[in-house]
Amino acid sequence: MRTTLAAAALLTAFLVAPSSAPAQTVGVAPSEITVDEARDIAAMNGIVAVRKLERYDGAWHAEGRDDAGRHVEMTIDPRDGRVTWLDRFD
């Protein structure tokens, strides 16, 4: 009986114990989008040639050109990937 209880307690401890933490990208919280995802979002919103993609002021900032050759700038929310600001000009 003691062996059964000890085995059950040990099994429960393994099932409840937290697993190892997932690998993280340096400087980016695991719940935030990566630089590759930010590049994909910029492409989906018209930037065909990304000239600059950087993270500052708590957001991703992308600059580049669209298919008509116009300059495009956008700000991407790092938590959910929404484009929070977009501007196209010559």
N, C-alpha and C. Protein backbone atom coordinates (compact mmCIF):
# COMPACT_ATOMS: atom_id res chain seq x y z
N MET A 1 0.82 -1.19 0.00
CA MET A 1 0.00 0.00 0.00
C MET A 1 0.86 1.25 0.00
N ARG A 2 1.94 1.26 0.85
CA ARG A 2 2.83 2.41 0.90
C ARG A 2 3.51 2.62 -0.45
N THR A 3 3.91 1.56 -1.09
CA THR A 3 4.57 1.65 -2.38
C THR A 3 3.64 2.26 -3.42
N THR A 4 2.38 1.88 -3.39
CA THR A 4 1.40 2.42 -4.33
C THR A 4 1.20 3.91 -4.10
N LEU A 5 1.07 4.31 -2.83
CA LEU A 5 0.91 5.74 -2.51
C LEU A 5 2.15 6.54 -2.89
N ALA A 6 3.32 5.99 -2.63
CA ALA A 6 4.55 6.68 -2.97
C ALA A 6 4.68 6.83 -4.49
N ALA A 7 4.34 5.80 -5.22
CA ALA A 7 4.40 5.87 -6.68
C ALA A 7 3.39 6.88 -7.22
N ALA A 8 2.21 6.92 -6.65
CA ALA A 8 1.19 7.88 -7.08
C ALA A 8 1.63 9.31 -6.77
N ALA A 9 2.24 9.52 -5.61
CA ALA A 9 2.73 10.85 -5.24
C ALA A 9 3.85 11.28 -6.18
N LEU A 10 4.76 10.39 -6.50
CA LEU A 10 5.86 10.70 -7.40
C LEU A 10 5.34 11.02 -8.80
N LEU A 11 4.40 10.25 -9.29
CA LEU A 11 3.82 10.49 -10.60
C LEU A 11 3.11 11.84 -10.64
N THR A 12 2.38 12.16 -9.60
CA THR A 12 1.68 13.45 -9.52
C THR A 12 2.68 14.60 -9.51
N ALA A 13 3.80 14.43 -8.80
CA ALA A 13 4.82 15.47 -8.75
C ALA A 13 5.39 15.74 -10.15
N PHE A 14 5.59 14.70 -10.92
CA PHE A 14 6.11 14.89 -12.28
C PHE A 14 5.09 15.55 -13.20
N LEU A 15 3.84 15.24 -13.02
CA LEU A 15 2.80 15.82 -13.86
C LEU A 15 2.55 17.28 -13.54
N VAL A 16 2.71 17.66 -12.28
CA VAL A 16 2.44 19.03 -11.85
C VAL A 16 3.65 19.92 -12.00
N ALA A 17 4.86 19.36 -11.97
CA ALA A 17 6.09 20.15 -12.04
C ALA A 17 6.16 20.90 -13.37
N PRO A 18 6.59 22.16 -13.34
CA PRO A 18 6.69 22.93 -14.59
C PRO A 18 7.77 22.37 -15.50
N SER A 19 7.52 22.44 -16.78
CA SER A 19 8.53 21.99 -17.73
C SER A 19 9.55 23.09 -17.93
N SER A 20 10.62 22.78 -18.63
CA SER A 20 11.65 23.78 -18.86
C SER A 20 11.09 24.91 -19.72
N ALA A 21 11.61 26.11 -19.52
CA ALA A 21 11.12 27.28 -20.24
C ALA A 21 11.52 27.18 -21.71
N PRO A 22 10.67 27.66 -22.63
CA PRO A 22 11.01 27.64 -24.05
C PRO A 22 12.16 28.60 -24.35
N ALA A 23 12.87 28.34 -25.42
CA ALA A 23 13.96 29.21 -25.83
C ALA A 23 13.41 30.60 -26.17
N GLN A 24 14.18 31.62 -25.84
CA GLN A 24 13.74 32.98 -26.09
C GLN A 24 14.71 33.67 -27.03
N THR A 25 14.20 34.60 -27.81
CA THR A 25 15.03 35.43 -28.66
C THR A 25 15.56 36.57 -27.80
N VAL A 26 16.81 36.90 -27.93
CA VAL A 26 17.41 37.94 -27.11
C VAL A 26 16.73 39.27 -27.39
N GLY A 27 16.29 39.95 -26.34
CA GLY A 27 15.69 41.27 -26.46
C GLY A 27 14.22 41.27 -26.82
N VAL A 28 13.62 40.13 -27.05
CA VAL A 28 12.22 40.07 -27.43
C VAL A 28 11.52 39.09 -26.49
N ALA A 29 10.44 39.55 -25.86
CA ALA A 29 9.68 38.67 -24.98
C ALA A 29 9.02 37.58 -25.82
N PRO A 30 8.82 36.38 -25.26
CA PRO A 30 8.27 35.27 -26.04
C PRO A 30 6.89 35.54 -26.60
N SER A 31 6.14 36.45 -26.00
CA SER A 31 4.79 36.72 -26.50
C SER A 31 4.78 37.79 -27.59
N GLU A 32 5.93 38.31 -27.94
CA GLU A 32 6.00 39.36 -28.95
C GLU A 32 6.48 38.80 -30.28
N ILE A 33 6.16 39.52 -31.36
CA ILE A 33 6.55 39.05 -32.68
C ILE A 33 8.05 39.23 -32.90
N THR A 34 8.62 38.37 -33.72
CA THR A 34 10.04 38.40 -34.02
C THR A 34 10.30 39.35 -35.18
N VAL A 35 11.58 39.57 -35.46
CA VAL A 35 11.95 40.43 -36.57
C VAL A 35 11.48 39.82 -37.90
N ASP A 36 11.53 38.51 -38.03
CA ASP A 36 11.05 37.86 -39.26
C ASP A 36 9.56 38.05 -39.44
N GLU A 37 8.80 37.95 -38.35
CA GLU A 37 7.36 38.18 -38.43
C GLU A 37 7.05 39.64 -38.77
N ALA A 38 7.84 40.57 -38.20
CA ALA A 38 7.66 41.99 -38.52
C ALA A 38 7.94 42.25 -40.00
N ARG A 39 8.96 41.59 -40.55
CA ARG A 39 9.28 41.72 -41.98
C ARG A 39 8.13 41.18 -42.84
N ASP A 40 7.55 40.07 -42.44
CA ASP A 40 6.41 39.51 -43.17
C ASP A 40 5.21 40.44 -43.11
N ILE A 41 4.95 41.04 -41.96
CA ILE A 41 3.82 41.97 -41.82
C ILE A 41 4.04 43.19 -42.70
N ALA A 42 5.28 43.69 -42.76
CA ALA A 42 5.59 44.83 -43.63
C ALA A 42 5.34 44.46 -45.09
N ALA A 43 5.73 43.26 -45.48
CA ALA A 43 5.51 42.81 -46.86
C ALA A 43 4.02 42.66 -47.16
N MET A 44 3.25 42.16 -46.20
CA MET A 44 1.81 42.00 -46.41
C MET A 44 1.09 43.34 -46.51
N ASN A 45 1.75 44.40 -46.03
CA ASN A 45 1.15 45.73 -46.06
C ASN A 45 1.80 46.64 -47.09
N GLY A 46 2.46 46.05 -48.09
CA GLY A 46 2.88 46.81 -49.25
C GLY A 46 4.35 47.10 -49.41
N ILE A 47 5.18 46.82 -48.43
CA ILE A 47 6.61 47.09 -48.61
C ILE A 47 7.23 45.90 -49.34
N VAL A 48 7.67 46.15 -50.59
CA VAL A 48 8.27 45.07 -51.37
C VAL A 48 9.79 45.07 -51.23
N ALA A 49 10.37 46.21 -50.85
CA ALA A 49 11.82 46.31 -50.63
C ALA A 49 12.04 46.97 -49.27
N VAL A 50 12.29 46.17 -48.27
CA VAL A 50 12.52 46.70 -46.93
C VAL A 50 13.92 47.30 -46.87
N ARG A 51 13.99 48.56 -46.53
CA ARG A 51 15.28 49.25 -46.41
C ARG A 51 15.75 49.27 -44.97
N LYS A 52 14.81 49.41 -44.03
CA LYS A 52 15.17 49.49 -42.62
C LYS A 52 14.06 48.84 -41.80
N LEU A 53 14.46 48.03 -40.84
CA LEU A 53 13.52 47.40 -39.92
C LEU A 53 14.20 47.34 -38.56
N GLU A 54 13.67 48.12 -37.62
CA GLU A 54 14.30 48.17 -36.31
C GLU A 54 13.25 48.31 -35.22
N ARG A 55 13.68 47.99 -34.02
CA ARG A 55 12.76 48.06 -32.89
C ARG A 55 13.23 49.15 -31.94
N TYR A 56 12.37 50.12 -31.71
CA TYR A 56 12.64 51.15 -30.72
C TYR A 56 11.32 51.76 -30.27
N ASP A 57 11.36 52.46 -29.15
CA ASP A 57 10.16 53.06 -28.55
C ASP A 57 9.03 52.05 -28.38
N GLY A 58 9.38 50.80 -28.13
CA GLY A 58 8.37 49.78 -27.85
C GLY A 58 7.63 49.26 -29.06
N ALA A 59 8.14 49.50 -30.28
CA ALA A 59 7.44 49.03 -31.49
C ALA A 59 8.47 48.72 -32.58
N TRP A 60 8.02 47.96 -33.57
CA TRP A 60 8.82 47.73 -34.78
C TRP A 60 8.56 48.87 -35.74
N HIS A 61 9.62 49.40 -36.37
CA HIS A 61 9.50 50.46 -37.35
C HIS A 61 10.12 49.96 -38.65
N ALA A 62 9.33 50.00 -39.72
CA ALA A 62 9.78 49.51 -41.02
C ALA A 62 9.75 50.65 -42.04
N GLU A 63 10.76 50.67 -42.90
CA GLU A 63 10.83 51.63 -44.00
C GLU A 63 11.23 50.87 -45.25
N GLY A 64 10.70 51.33 -46.37
CA GLY A 64 11.05 50.71 -47.63
C GLY A 64 10.27 51.32 -48.78
N ARG A 65 10.16 50.56 -49.86
CA ARG A 65 9.46 51.01 -51.07
C ARG A 65 8.34 50.04 -51.40
N ASP A 66 7.24 50.58 -51.97
CA ASP A 66 6.16 49.71 -52.43
C ASP A 66 6.38 49.39 -53.90
N ASP A 67 5.46 48.66 -54.52
CA ASP A 67 5.64 48.24 -55.91
C ASP A 67 5.57 49.40 -56.90
N ALA A 68 5.04 50.56 -56.48
CA ALA A 68 5.01 51.74 -57.34
C ALA A 68 6.25 52.62 -57.14
N GLY A 69 7.13 52.22 -56.24
CA GLY A 69 8.35 52.97 -56.00
C GLY A 69 8.21 54.05 -54.93
N ARG A 70 7.03 54.16 -54.33
CA ARG A 70 6.83 55.17 -53.28
C ARG A 70 7.50 54.72 -51.98
N HIS A 71 7.94 55.70 -51.21
CA HIS A 71 8.52 55.44 -49.89
C HIS A 71 7.40 55.08 -48.93
N VAL A 72 7.60 54.03 -48.14
CA VAL A 72 6.59 53.58 -47.17
C VAL A 72 7.24 53.50 -45.80
N GLU A 73 6.55 54.02 -44.80
CA GLU A 73 6.98 53.87 -43.41
C GLU A 73 5.81 53.33 -42.62
N MET A 74 6.09 52.43 -41.69
CA MET A 74 5.03 51.89 -40.85
C MET A 74 5.56 51.55 -39.47
N THR A 75 4.63 51.53 -38.52
CA THR A 75 4.92 51.12 -37.15
C THR A 75 4.06 49.90 -36.87
N ILE A 76 4.68 48.88 -36.29
CA ILE A 76 4.01 47.60 -36.03
C ILE A 76 4.02 47.33 -34.53
N ASP A 77 2.85 47.05 -33.97
CA ASP A 77 2.74 46.72 -32.56
C ASP A 77 3.40 45.36 -32.32
N PRO A 78 4.39 45.27 -31.42
CA PRO A 78 5.11 44.01 -31.23
C PRO A 78 4.32 42.94 -30.50
N ARG A 79 3.22 43.31 -29.85
CA ARG A 79 2.45 42.32 -29.10
C ARG A 79 1.53 41.51 -30.00
N ASP A 80 0.90 42.17 -30.98
CA ASP A 80 -0.08 41.46 -31.80
C ASP A 80 0.13 41.61 -33.30
N GLY A 81 1.13 42.40 -33.72
CA GLY A 81 1.43 42.53 -35.14
C GLY A 81 0.55 43.51 -35.90
N ARG A 82 -0.28 44.28 -35.20
CA ARG A 82 -1.12 45.27 -35.88
C ARG A 82 -0.26 46.41 -36.40
N VAL A 83 -0.58 46.91 -37.59
CA VAL A 83 0.07 48.09 -38.12
C VAL A 83 -0.64 49.28 -37.48
N THR A 84 0.10 50.01 -36.64
CA THR A 84 -0.51 51.12 -35.91
C THR A 84 -0.32 52.46 -36.62
N TRP A 85 0.59 52.51 -37.58
CA TRP A 85 0.80 53.73 -38.36
C TRP A 85 1.39 53.33 -39.70
N LEU A 86 0.88 53.96 -40.78
CA LEU A 86 1.33 53.65 -42.13
C LEU A 86 1.28 54.93 -42.95
N ASP A 87 2.36 55.21 -43.67
CA ASP A 87 2.41 56.41 -44.50
C ASP A 87 3.15 56.08 -45.79
N ARG A 88 2.56 56.52 -46.91
CA ARG A 88 3.20 56.36 -48.23
C ARG A 88 3.38 57.74 -48.84
N PHE A 89 4.57 58.01 -49.37
CA PHE A 89 4.82 59.28 -50.01
C PHE A 89 5.93 59.12 -51.03
N ASP A 90 6.05 60.12 -51.92
CA ASP A 90 7.07 60.06 -52.99
C ASP A 90 8.41 60.48 -52.49
